[in-house]
Amino acid sequence: AEMVQSRSGTDLAAVSAKFGVRNPQEELSITEALKDRYNTISNGSLLSGSLSFPRRTISAYFNSAVTPVFTVFKKNVEDALSVRNIKAPLHILKADGGSLPMEHMVSRP
């Protein structure tokens, strides 16, 4: 696998292997090698079962890019509920009309 050098200050990474859906081991190995250098690493094969390599790669890229923003959003919502003493399950409405518990959304915003 070819590793692309990151710009300084980057703490996000996206990993996508050509045949990662059929055999995710390469992506997982790369992720393992990068985990000490990056706070957020998204794997294309874990985000989508699609055989479309470009689509999985773009999904991994945007997932990594959005994760820090979503983490701040999650904290702000939880803080707002806490201040108001609201103790209820927290779900996020997805674009497709479904919803997921907030904790499931953290790794795949």
PDB file of N, CA and C in Angstrom:
ATOM      1  N   ALA A   1       0.841  -1.185   0.000  1.00  0.00           N
ATOM      2  CA  ALA A   1       0.000   0.000   0.000  1.00  0.00           C
ATOM      3  C   ALA A   1       0.880   1.240   0.000  1.00  0.00           C
ATOM      4  N   GLU A   2       0.412   2.244  -0.648  1.00  0.00           N
ATOM      5  CA  GLU A   2       1.150   3.502  -0.711  1.00  0.00           C
ATOM      6  C   GLU A   2       0.615   4.443   0.357  1.00  0.00           C
ATOM      7  N   MET A   3       1.507   5.052   1.110  1.00  0.00           N
ATOM      8  CA  MET A   3       1.116   5.986   2.152  1.00  0.00           C
ATOM      9  C   MET A   3       1.383   7.395   1.634  1.00  0.00           C
ATOM     10  N   VAL A   4       0.435   8.269   1.801  1.00  0.00           N
ATOM     11  CA  VAL A   4       0.580   9.653   1.378  1.00  0.00           C
ATOM     12  C   VAL A   4       0.917  10.480   2.609  1.00  0.00           C
ATOM     13  N   GLN A   5       1.981  11.261   2.528  1.00  0.00           N
ATOM     14  CA  GLN A   5       2.408  12.085   3.664  1.00  0.00           C
ATOM     15  C   GLN A   5       1.358  13.154   3.949  1.00  0.00           C
ATOM     16  N   SER A   6       1.025  13.322   5.209  1.00  0.00           N
ATOM     17  CA  SER A   6       0.022  14.318   5.583  1.00  0.00           C
ATOM     18  C   SER A   6       0.658  15.687   5.759  1.00  0.00           C
ATOM     19  N   ARG A   7      -0.174  16.695   5.715  1.00  0.00           N
ATOM     20  CA  ARG A   7       0.280  18.049   6.027  1.00  0.00           C
ATOM     21  C   ARG A   7       0.447  18.137   7.539  1.00  0.00           C
ATOM     22  N   SER A   8       1.326  18.999   7.973  1.00  0.00           N
ATOM     23  CA  SER A   8       1.527  19.132   9.415  1.00  0.00           C
ATOM     24  C   SER A   8       0.246  19.638  10.069  1.00  0.00           C
ATOM     25  N   GLY A   9      -0.006  19.155  11.261  1.00  0.00           N
ATOM     26  CA  GLY A   9      -1.188  19.565  11.998  1.00  0.00           C
ATOM     27  C   GLY A   9      -2.419  18.721  11.727  1.00  0.00           C
ATOM     28  N   THR A  10      -2.356  17.830  10.793  1.00  0.00           N
ATOM     29  CA  THR A  10      -3.503  16.988  10.481  1.00  0.00           C
ATOM     30  C   THR A  10      -3.590  15.845  11.479  1.00  0.00           C
ATOM     31  N   ASP A  11      -4.765  15.669  12.076  1.00  0.00           N
ATOM     32  CA  ASP A  11      -4.940  14.537  12.982  1.00  0.00           C
ATOM     33  C   ASP A  11      -6.066  13.618  12.513  1.00  0.00           C
ATOM     34  N   LEU A  12      -6.396  13.714  11.220  1.00  0.00           N
ATOM     35  CA  LEU A  12      -7.446  12.899  10.614  1.00  0.00           C
ATOM     36  C   LEU A  12      -6.868  12.076   9.477  1.00  0.00           C
ATOM     37  N   ALA A  13      -7.385  10.863   9.301  1.00  0.00           N
ATOM     38  CA  ALA A  13      -6.935  10.020   8.192  1.00  0.00           C
ATOM     39  C   ALA A  13      -8.114   9.231   7.643  1.00  0.00           C
ATOM     40  N   ALA A  14      -8.035   8.907   6.367  1.00  0.00           N
ATOM     41  CA  ALA A  14      -9.015   8.042   5.710  1.00  0.00           C
ATOM     42  C   ALA A  14      -8.239   6.920   5.033  1.00  0.00           C
ATOM     43  N   VAL A  15      -8.716   5.695   5.208  1.00  0.00           N
ATOM     44  CA  VAL A  15      -8.054   4.527   4.636  1.00  0.00           C
ATOM     45  C   VAL A  15      -9.058   3.803   3.753  1.00  0.00           C
ATOM     46  N   SER A  16      -8.665   3.559   2.511  1.00  0.00           N
ATOM     47  CA  SER A  16      -9.544   2.855   1.587  1.00  0.00           C
ATOM     48  C   SER A  16      -8.693   2.014   0.641  1.00  0.00           C
ATOM     49  N   ALA A  17      -8.920   0.719   0.655  1.00  0.00           N
ATOM     50  CA  ALA A  17      -8.177  -0.198  -0.216  1.00  0.00           C
ATOM     51  C   ALA A  17      -9.071  -0.613  -1.381  1.00  0.00           C
ATOM     52  N   LYS A  18      -8.477  -0.816  -2.528  1.00  0.00           N
ATOM     53  CA  LYS A  18      -9.221  -1.142  -3.753  1.00  0.00           C
ATOM     54  C   LYS A  18     -10.230  -2.272  -3.546  1.00  0.00           C
ATOM     55  N   PHE A  19      -9.812  -3.368  -2.929  1.00  0.00           N
ATOM     56  CA  PHE A  19     -10.726  -4.489  -2.708  1.00  0.00           C
ATOM     57  C   PHE A  19     -11.019  -4.672  -1.219  1.00  0.00           C
ATOM     58  N   GLY A  20     -11.099  -3.545  -0.508  1.00  0.00           N
ATOM     59  CA  GLY A  20     -11.306  -3.566   0.935  1.00  0.00           C
ATOM     60  C   GLY A  20     -12.590  -4.221   1.388  1.00  0.00           C
ATOM     61  N   VAL A  21     -13.626  -4.182   0.569  1.00  0.00           N
ATOM     62  CA  VAL A  21     -14.894  -4.813   0.945  1.00  0.00           C
ATOM     63  C   VAL A  21     -14.748  -6.330   0.966  1.00  0.00           C
ATOM     64  N   ARG A  22     -14.027  -6.857   0.020  1.00  0.00           N
ATOM     65  CA  ARG A  22     -13.846  -8.313  -0.056  1.00  0.00           C
ATOM     66  C   ARG A  22     -12.841  -8.823   0.968  1.00  0.00           C
ATOM     67  N   ASN A  23     -11.812  -8.001   1.248  1.00  0.00           N
ATOM     68  CA  ASN A  23     -10.801  -8.383   2.230  1.00  0.00           C
ATOM     69  C   ASN A  23     -10.324  -7.117   2.952  1.00  0.00           C
ATOM     70  N   PRO A  24     -10.944  -6.800   4.087  1.00  0.00           N
ATOM     71  CA  PRO A  24     -10.610  -5.556   4.787  1.00  0.00           C
ATOM     72  C   PRO A  24      -9.287  -5.592   5.555  1.00  0.00           C
ATOM     73  N   GLN A  25      -8.585  -6.717   5.521  1.00  0.00           N
ATOM     74  CA  GLN A  25      -7.364  -6.858   6.319  1.00  0.00           C
ATOM     75  C   GLN A  25      -6.320  -5.784   6.006  1.00  0.00           C
ATOM     76  N   GLU A  26      -6.164  -5.425   4.736  1.00  0.00           N
ATOM     77  CA  GLU A  26      -5.182  -4.394   4.382  1.00  0.00           C
ATOM     78  C   GLU A  26      -5.547  -3.058   5.033  1.00  0.00           C
ATOM     79  N   GLU A  27      -6.806  -2.675   4.941  1.00  0.00           N
ATOM     80  CA  GLU A  27      -7.250  -1.432   5.570  1.00  0.00           C
ATOM     81  C   GLU A  27      -7.030  -1.482   7.080  1.00  0.00           C
ATOM     82  N   LEU A  28      -7.374  -2.602   7.686  1.00  0.00           N
ATOM     83  CA  LEU A  28      -7.219  -2.737   9.135  1.00  0.00           C
ATOM     84  C   LEU A  28      -5.749  -2.671   9.544  1.00  0.00           C
ATOM     85  N   SER A  29      -4.874  -3.254   8.744  1.00  0.00           N
ATOM     86  CA  SER A  29      -3.434  -3.203   9.025  1.00  0.00           C
ATOM     87  C   SER A  29      -2.902  -1.773   8.919  1.00  0.00           C
ATOM     88  N   ILE A  30      -3.355  -1.052   7.905  1.00  0.00           N
ATOM     89  CA  ILE A  30      -2.932   0.338   7.736  1.00  0.00           C
ATOM     90  C   ILE A  30      -3.456   1.183   8.895  1.00  0.00           C
ATOM     91  N   THR A  31      -4.707   0.959   9.262  1.00  0.00           N
ATOM     92  CA  THR A  31      -5.287   1.683  10.393  1.00  0.00           C
ATOM     93  C   THR A  31      -4.484   1.433  11.662  1.00  0.00           C
ATOM     94  N   GLU A  32      -4.117   0.201  11.888  1.00  0.00           N
ATOM     95  CA  GLU A  32      -3.311  -0.153  13.059  1.00  0.00           C
ATOM     96  C   GLU A  32      -1.974   0.598  13.036  1.00  0.00           C
ATOM     97  N   ALA A  33      -1.358   0.685  11.864  1.00  0.00           N
ATOM     98  CA  ALA A  33      -0.070   1.373  11.736  1.00  0.00           C
ATOM     99  C   ALA A  33      -0.195   2.884  11.957  1.00  0.00           C
ATOM    100  N   LEU A  34      -1.363   3.438  11.680  1.00  0.00           N
ATOM    101  CA  LEU A  34      -1.562   4.888  11.782  1.00  0.00           C
ATOM    102  C   LEU A  34      -2.156   5.353  13.104  1.00  0.00           C
ATOM    103  N   LYS A  35      -2.629   4.435  13.925  1.00  0.00           N
ATOM    104  CA  LYS A  35      -3.422   4.831  15.094  1.00  0.00           C
ATOM    105  C   LYS A  35      -2.677   5.710  16.096  1.00  0.00           C
ATOM    106  N   ASP A  36      -1.352   5.636  16.134  1.00  0.00           N
ATOM    107  CA  ASP A  36      -0.594   6.486  17.049  1.00  0.00           C
ATOM    108  C   ASP A  36      -0.380   7.897  16.500  1.00  0.00           C
ATOM    109  N   ARG A  37      -0.595   8.089  15.192  1.00  0.00           N
ATOM    110  CA  ARG A  37      -0.353   9.389  14.551  1.00  0.00           C
ATOM    111  C   ARG A  37      -1.619  10.216  14.347  1.00  0.00           C
ATOM    112  N   TYR A  38      -2.783   9.556  14.323  1.00  0.00           N
ATOM    113  CA  TYR A  38      -4.024  10.253  13.999  1.00  0.00           C
ATOM    114  C   TYR A  38      -5.093   9.983  15.053  1.00  0.00           C
ATOM    115  N   ASN A  39      -5.872  11.020  15.381  1.00  0.00           N
ATOM    116  CA  ASN A  39      -6.968  10.869  16.338  1.00  0.00           C
ATOM    117  C   ASN A  39      -8.169  10.175  15.711  1.00  0.00           C
ATOM    118  N   THR A  40      -8.434  10.478  14.463  1.00  0.00           N
ATOM    119  CA  THR A  40      -9.593   9.917  13.768  1.00  0.00           C
ATOM    120  C   THR A  40      -9.123   9.224  12.501  1.00  0.00           C
ATOM    121  N   ILE A  41      -9.487   7.954  12.365  1.00  0.00           N
ATOM    122  CA  ILE A  41      -9.174   7.193  11.151  1.00  0.00           C
ATOM    123  C   ILE A  41     -10.456   6.511  10.696  1.00  0.00           C
ATOM    124  N   SER A  42     -10.865   6.774   9.475  1.00  0.00           N
ATOM    125  CA  SER A  42     -12.062   6.155   8.914  1.00  0.00           C
ATOM    126  C   SER A  42     -11.656   5.130   7.868  1.00  0.00           C
ATOM    127  N   ASN A  43     -12.300   3.971   7.914  1.00  0.00           N
ATOM    128  CA  ASN A  43     -12.038   2.900   6.950  1.00  0.00           C
ATOM    129  C   ASN A  43     -13.200   2.813   5.968  1.00  0.00           C
ATOM    130  N   GLY A  44     -12.887   2.886   4.681  1.00  0.00           N
ATOM    131  CA  GLY A  44     -13.916   2.810   3.656  1.00  0.00           C
ATOM    132  C   GLY A  44     -14.735   1.535   3.719  1.00  0.00           C
ATOM    133  N   SER A  45     -14.097   0.405   3.973  1.00  0.00           N
ATOM    134  CA  SER A  45     -14.825  -0.870   3.978  1.00  0.00           C
ATOM    135  C   SER A  45     -15.763  -0.994   5.168  1.00  0.00           C
ATOM    136  N   LEU A  46     -15.498  -0.280   6.256  1.00  0.00           N
ATOM    137  CA  LEU A  46     -16.383  -0.326   7.418  1.00  0.00           C
ATOM    138  C   LEU A  46     -17.560   0.629   7.273  1.00  0.00           C
ATOM    139  N   LEU A  47     -17.419   1.616   6.403  1.00  0.00           N
ATOM    140  CA  LEU A  47     -18.486   2.590   6.195  1.00  0.00           C
ATOM    141  C   LEU A  47     -19.490   2.142   5.150  1.00  0.00           C
ATOM    142  N   SER A  48     -19.022   1.384   4.166  1.00  0.00           N
ATOM    143  CA  SER A  48     -19.889   0.993   3.059  1.00  0.00           C
ATOM    144  C   SER A  48     -19.506  -0.383   2.537  1.00  0.00           C
ATOM    145  N   GLY A  49     -20.504  -1.168   2.221  1.00  0.00           N
ATOM    146  CA  GLY A  49     -20.269  -2.472   1.618  1.00  0.00           C
ATOM    147  C   GLY A  49     -20.237  -2.394   0.101  1.00  0.00           C
ATOM    148  N   SER A  50     -20.322  -1.188  -0.429  1.00  0.00           N
ATOM    149  CA  SER A  50     -20.333  -0.976  -1.875  1.00  0.00           C
ATOM    150  C   SER A  50     -18.996  -1.376  -2.499  1.00  0.00           C
ATOM    151  N   LEU A  51     -19.057  -1.943  -3.680  1.00  0.00           N
ATOM    152  CA  LEU A  51     -17.840  -2.299  -4.401  1.00  0.00           C
ATOM    153  C   LEU A  51     -17.194  -1.097  -5.088  1.00  0.00           C
ATOM    154  N   SER A  52     -17.856   0.040  -5.058  1.00  0.00           N
ATOM    155  CA  SER A  52     -17.335   1.243  -5.712  1.00  0.00           C
ATOM    156  C   SER A  52     -16.190   1.841  -4.887  1.00  0.00           C
ATOM    157  N   PHE A  53     -14.960   1.584  -5.338  1.00  0.00           N
ATOM    158  CA  PHE A  53     -13.775   2.083  -4.634  1.00  0.00           C
ATOM    159  C   PHE A  53     -13.789   3.604  -4.483  1.00  0.00           C
ATOM    160  N   PRO A  54     -14.076   4.368  -5.551  1.00  0.00           N
ATOM    161  CA  PRO A  54     -14.110   5.830  -5.387  1.00  0.00           C
ATOM    162  C   PRO A  54     -15.152   6.280  -4.352  1.00  0.00           C
ATOM    163  N   ARG A  55     -16.318   5.665  -4.354  1.00  0.00           N
ATOM    164  CA  ARG A  55     -17.371   6.045  -3.405  1.00  0.00           C
ATOM    165  C   ARG A  55     -16.944   5.752  -1.966  1.00  0.00           C
ATOM    166  N   ARG A  56     -16.334   4.586  -1.739  1.00  0.00           N
ATOM    167  CA  ARG A  56     -15.867   4.241  -0.385  1.00  0.00           C
ATOM    168  C   ARG A  56     -14.767   5.194   0.069  1.00  0.00           C
ATOM    169  N   THR A  57     -13.881   5.545  -0.853  1.00  0.00           N
ATOM    170  CA  THR A  57     -12.778   6.447  -0.525  1.00  0.00           C
ATOM    171  C   THR A  57     -13.305   7.826  -0.142  1.00  0.00           C
ATOM    172  N   ILE A  58     -14.227   8.343  -0.921  1.00  0.00           N
ATOM    173  CA  ILE A  58     -14.824   9.647  -0.628  1.00  0.00           C
ATOM    174  C   ILE A  58     -15.601   9.594   0.687  1.00  0.00           C
ATOM    175  N   SER A  59     -16.328   8.505   0.917  1.00  0.00           N
ATOM    176  CA  SER A  59     -17.067   8.355   2.177  1.00  0.00           C
ATOM    177  C   SER A  59     -16.127   8.367   3.373  1.00  0.00           C
ATOM    178  N   ALA A  60     -15.007   7.665   3.267  1.00  0.00           N
ATOM    179  CA  ALA A  60     -14.028   7.633   4.360  1.00  0.00           C
ATOM    180  C   ALA A  60     -13.442   9.029   4.590  1.00  0.00           C
ATOM    181  N   TYR A  61     -13.143   9.720   3.505  1.00  0.00           N
ATOM    182  CA  TYR A  61     -12.591  11.076   3.598  1.00  0.00           C
ATOM    183  C   TYR A  61     -13.555  12.002   4.336  1.00  0.00           C
ATOM    184  N   PHE A  62     -14.810  12.043   3.886  1.00  0.00           N
ATOM    185  CA  PHE A  62     -15.779  12.942   4.508  1.00  0.00           C
ATOM    186  C   PHE A  62     -16.126  12.511   5.929  1.00  0.00           C
ATOM    187  N   ASN A  63     -16.150  11.212   6.195  1.00  0.00           N
ATOM    188  CA  ASN A  63     -16.414  10.745   7.552  1.00  0.00           C
ATOM    189  C   ASN A  63     -15.341  11.275   8.506  1.00  0.00           C
ATOM    190  N   SER A  64     -14.082  11.187   8.097  1.00  0.00           N
ATOM    191  CA  SER A  64     -12.998  11.715   8.936  1.00  0.00           C
ATOM    192  C   SER A  64     -13.103  13.229   9.090  1.00  0.00           C
ATOM    193  N   ALA A  65     -13.447  13.912   8.016  1.00  0.00           N
ATOM    194  CA  ALA A  65     -13.539  15.373   8.060  1.00  0.00           C
ATOM    195  C   ALA A  65     -14.661  15.856   8.971  1.00  0.00           C
ATOM    196  N   VAL A  66     -15.765  15.134   9.014  1.00  0.00           N
ATOM    197  CA  VAL A  66     -16.942  15.545   9.775  1.00  0.00           C
ATOM    198  C   VAL A  66     -16.878  15.112  11.243  1.00  0.00           C
ATOM    199  N   THR A  67     -16.098  14.099  11.557  1.00  0.00           N
ATOM    200  CA  THR A  67     -16.073  13.553  12.912  1.00  0.00           C
ATOM    201  C   THR A  67     -15.776  14.601  13.992  1.00  0.00           C
ATOM    202  N   PRO A  68     -14.765  15.460  13.849  1.00  0.00           N
ATOM    203  CA  PRO A  68     -14.531  16.456  14.909  1.00  0.00           C
ATOM    204  C   PRO A  68     -15.706  17.428  15.086  1.00  0.00           C
ATOM    205  N   VAL A  69     -16.335  17.818  13.996  1.00  0.00           N
ATOM    206  CA  VAL A  69     -17.489  18.715  14.065  1.00  0.00           C
ATOM    207  C   VAL A  69     -18.636  18.017  14.784  1.00  0.00           C
ATOM    208  N   PHE A  70     -18.873  16.759  14.443  1.00  0.00           N
ATOM    209  CA  PHE A  70     -19.957  16.011  15.068  1.00  0.00           C
ATOM    210  C   PHE A  70     -19.685  15.791  16.556  1.00  0.00           C
ATOM    211  N   THR A  71     -18.428  15.581  16.918  1.00  0.00           N
ATOM    212  CA  THR A  71     -18.070  15.379  18.321  1.00  0.00           C
ATOM    213  C   THR A  71     -18.404  16.624  19.146  1.00  0.00           C
ATOM    214  N   VAL A  72     -18.112  17.798  18.615  1.00  0.00           N
ATOM    215  CA  VAL A  72     -18.456  19.051  19.299  1.00  0.00           C
ATOM    216  C   VAL A  72     -19.974  19.197  19.384  1.00  0.00           C
ATOM    217  N   PHE A  73     -20.676  18.895  18.290  1.00  0.00           N
ATOM    218  CA  PHE A  73     -22.138  18.950  18.278  1.00  0.00           C
ATOM    219  C   PHE A  73     -22.719  18.039  19.357  1.00  0.00           C
ATOM    220  N   LYS A  74     -22.232  16.814  19.428  1.00  0.00           N
ATOM    221  CA  LYS A  74     -22.709  15.838  20.420  1.00  0.00           C
ATOM    222  C   LYS A  74     -22.519  16.373  21.837  1.00  0.00           C
ATOM    223  N   LYS A  75     -21.343  16.906  22.119  1.00  0.00           N
ATOM    224  CA  LYS A  75     -21.066  17.448  23.453  1.00  0.00           C
ATOM    225  C   LYS A  75     -21.997  18.611  23.768  1.00  0.00           C
ATOM    226  N   ASN A  76     -22.214  19.505  22.813  1.00  0.00           N
ATOM    227  CA  ASN A  76     -23.098  20.653  23.034  1.00  0.00           C
ATOM    228  C   ASN A  76     -24.531  20.225  23.306  1.00  0.00           C
ATOM    229  N   VAL A  77     -25.022  19.243  22.567  1.00  0.00           N
ATOM    230  CA  VAL A  77     -26.382  18.745  22.788  1.00  0.00           C
ATOM    231  C   VAL A  77     -26.485  18.096  24.164  1.00  0.00           C
ATOM    232  N   GLU A  78     -25.517  17.258  24.510  1.00  0.00           N
ATOM    233  CA  GLU A  78     -25.542  16.600  25.822  1.00  0.00           C
ATOM    234  C   GLU A  78     -25.459  17.619  26.957  1.00  0.00           C
ATOM    235  N   ASP A  79     -24.628  18.646  26.795  1.00  0.00           N
ATOM    236  CA  ASP A  79     -24.531  19.700  27.812  1.00  0.00           C
ATOM    237  C   ASP A  79     -25.849  20.456  27.950  1.00  0.00           C
ATOM    238  N   ALA A  80     -26.488  20.776  26.826  1.00  0.00           N
ATOM    239  CA  ALA A  80     -27.763  21.496  26.855  1.00  0.00           C
ATOM    240  C   ALA A  80     -28.840  20.668  27.557  1.00  0.00           C
ATOM    241  N   LEU A  81     -28.865  19.372  27.297  1.00  0.00           N
ATOM    242  CA  LEU A  81     -29.841  18.505  27.963  1.00  0.00           C
ATOM    243  C   LEU A  81     -29.540  18.393  29.453  1.00  0.00           C
ATOM    244  N   SER A  82     -28.279  18.308  29.794  1.00  0.00           N
ATOM    245  CA  SER A  82     -27.871  18.190  31.193  1.00  0.00           C
ATOM    246  C   SER A  82     -28.252  19.437  31.995  1.00  0.00           C
ATOM    247  N   VAL A  83     -28.009  20.614  31.427  1.00  0.00           N
ATOM    248  CA  VAL A  83     -28.351  21.874  32.097  1.00  0.00           C
ATOM    249  C   VAL A  83     -29.846  21.938  32.386  1.00  0.00           C
ATOM    250  N   ARG A  84     -30.640  21.376  31.503  1.00  0.00           N
ATOM    251  CA  ARG A  84     -32.094  21.392  31.662  1.00  0.00           C
ATOM    252  C   ARG A  84     -32.609  20.163  32.418  1.00  0.00           C
ATOM    253  N   ASN A  85     -31.675  19.351  32.900  1.00  0.00           N
ATOM    254  CA  ASN A  85     -31.996  18.130  33.644  1.00  0.00           C
ATOM    255  C   ASN A  85     -32.914  17.190  32.849  1.00  0.00           C
ATOM    256  N   ILE A  86     -32.677  17.116  31.554  1.00  0.00           N
ATOM    257  CA  ILE A  86     -33.444  16.214  30.690  1.00  0.00           C
ATOM    258  C   ILE A  86     -32.673  14.908  30.579  1.00  0.00           C
ATOM    259  N   LYS A  87     -33.314  13.835  31.020  1.00  0.00           N
ATOM    260  CA  LYS A  87     -32.683  12.516  30.969  1.00  0.00           C
ATOM    261  C   LYS A  87     -33.533  11.621  30.071  1.00  0.00           C
ATOM    262  N   ALA A  88     -33.175  11.612  28.820  1.00  0.00           N
ATOM    263  CA  ALA A  88     -33.918  10.828  27.832  1.00  0.00           C
ATOM    264  C   ALA A  88     -32.931  10.254  26.830  1.00  0.00           C
ATOM    265  N   PRO A  89     -33.304   9.140  26.189  1.00  0.00           N
ATOM    266  CA  PRO A  89     -32.425   8.602  25.139  1.00  0.00           C
ATOM    267  C   PRO A  89     -32.260   9.641  24.027  1.00  0.00           C
ATOM    268  N   LEU A  90     -31.055   9.742  23.522  1.00  0.00           N
ATOM    269  CA  LEU A  90     -30.763  10.728  22.485  1.00  0.00           C
ATOM    270  C   LEU A  90     -30.537  10.018  21.159  1.00  0.00           C
ATOM    271  N   HIS A  91     -31.371  10.350  20.170  1.00  0.00           N
ATOM    272  CA  HIS A  91     -31.267   9.769  18.835  1.00  0.00           C
ATOM    273  C   HIS A  91     -31.063  10.887  17.822  1.00  0.00           C
ATOM    274  N   ILE A  92     -30.402  10.557  16.739  1.00  0.00           N
ATOM    275  CA  ILE A  92     -30.162  11.507  15.654  1.00  0.00           C
ATOM    276  C   ILE A  92     -30.983  11.082  14.441  1.00  0.00           C
ATOM    277  N   LEU A  93     -31.700  12.024  13.861  1.00  0.00           N
ATOM    278  CA  LEU A  93     -32.467  11.761  12.649  1.00  0.00           C
ATOM    279  C   LEU A  93     -31.518  11.774  11.460  1.00  0.00           C
ATOM    280  N   LYS A  94     -31.542  10.708  10.680  1.00  0.00           N
ATOM    281  CA  LYS A  94     -30.668  10.598   9.508  1.00  0.00           C
ATOM    282  C   LYS A  94     -31.372  11.167   8.276  1.00  0.00           C
ATOM    283  N   ALA A  95     -30.593  11.435   7.245  1.00  0.00           N
ATOM    284  CA  ALA A  95     -31.133  12.007   6.011  1.00  0.00           C
ATOM    285  C   ALA A  95     -32.142  11.083   5.340  1.00  0.00           C
ATOM    286  N   ASP A  96     -32.014   9.762   5.560  1.00  0.00           N
ATOM    287  CA  ASP A  96     -32.944   8.823   4.930  1.00  0.00           C
ATOM    288  C   ASP A  96     -34.234   8.641   5.733  1.00  0.00           C
ATOM    289  N   GLY A  97     -34.403   9.411   6.807  1.00  0.00           N
ATOM    290  CA  GLY A  97     -35.621   9.341   7.604  1.00  0.00           C
ATOM    291  C   GLY A  97     -35.521   8.412   8.801  1.00  0.00           C
ATOM    292  N   GLY A  98     -34.473   7.625   8.873  1.00  0.00           N
ATOM    293  CA  GLY A  98     -34.277   6.745  10.023  1.00  0.00           C
ATOM    294  C   GLY A  98     -33.613   7.500  11.159  1.00  0.00           C
ATOM    295  N   SER A  99     -33.459   6.833  12.272  1.00  0.00           N
ATOM    296  CA  SER A  99     -32.750   7.450  13.392  1.00  0.00           C
ATOM    297  C   SER A  99     -31.841   6.421  14.047  1.00  0.00           C
ATOM    298  N   LEU A 100     -30.787   6.919  14.670  1.00  0.00           N
ATOM    299  CA  LEU A 100     -29.832   6.061  15.368  1.00  0.00           C
ATOM    300  C   LEU A 100     -29.506   6.685  16.714  1.00  0.00           C
ATOM    301  N   PRO A 101     -29.206   5.842  17.711  1.00  0.00           N
ATOM    302  CA  PRO A 101     -28.748   6.395  18.987  1.00  0.00           C
ATOM    303  C   PRO A 101     -27.481   7.224  18.771  1.00  0.00           C
ATOM    304  N   MET A 102     -27.366   8.297  19.515  1.00  0.00           N
ATOM    305  CA  MET A 102     -26.220   9.207  19.377  1.00  0.00           C
ATOM    306  C   MET A 102     -24.893   8.462  19.462  1.00  0.00           C
ATOM    307  N   GLU A 103     -24.762   7.513  20.368  1.00  0.00           N
ATOM    308  CA  GLU A 103     -23.498   6.799  20.543  1.00  0.00           C
ATOM    309  C   GLU A 103     -23.078   6.035  19.280  1.00  0.00           C
ATOM    310  N   HIS A 104     -24.039   5.552  18.498  1.00  0.00           N
ATOM    311  CA  HIS A 104     -23.704   4.853  17.255  1.00  0.00           C
ATOM    312  C   HIS A 104     -23.234   5.817  16.169  1.00  0.00           C
ATOM    313  N   MET A 105     -23.637   7.064  16.293  1.00  0.00           N
ATOM    314  CA  MET A 105     -23.298   8.058  15.275  1.00  0.00           C
ATOM    315  C   MET A 105     -21.875   8.596  15.434  1.00  0.00           C
ATOM    316  N   VAL A 106     -21.271   8.417  16.598  1.00  0.00           N
ATOM    317  CA  VAL A 106     -19.956   9.009  16.854  1.00  0.00           C
ATOM    318  C   VAL A 106     -18.905   8.517  15.867  1.00  0.00           C
ATOM    319  N   SER A 107     -18.900   7.229  15.559  1.00  0.00           N
ATOM    320  CA  SER A 107     -17.880   6.704  14.647  1.00  0.00           C
ATOM    321  C   SER A 107     -18.263   6.844  13.176  1.00  0.00           C
ATOM    322  N   ARG A 108     -19.539   7.089  12.914  1.00  0.00           N
ATOM    323  CA  ARG A 108     -20.013   7.224  11.524  1.00  0.00           C
ATOM    324  C   ARG A 108     -20.995   8.376  11.382  1.00  0.00           C
ATOM    325  N   PRO A 109     -20.507   9.597  11.570  1.00  0.00           N
ATOM    326  CA  PRO A 109     -21.448  10.723  11.485  1.00  0.00           C
ATOM    327  C   PRO A 109     -21.968  10.918  10.081  1.00  0.00           C
TER     328      PRO A 109
END
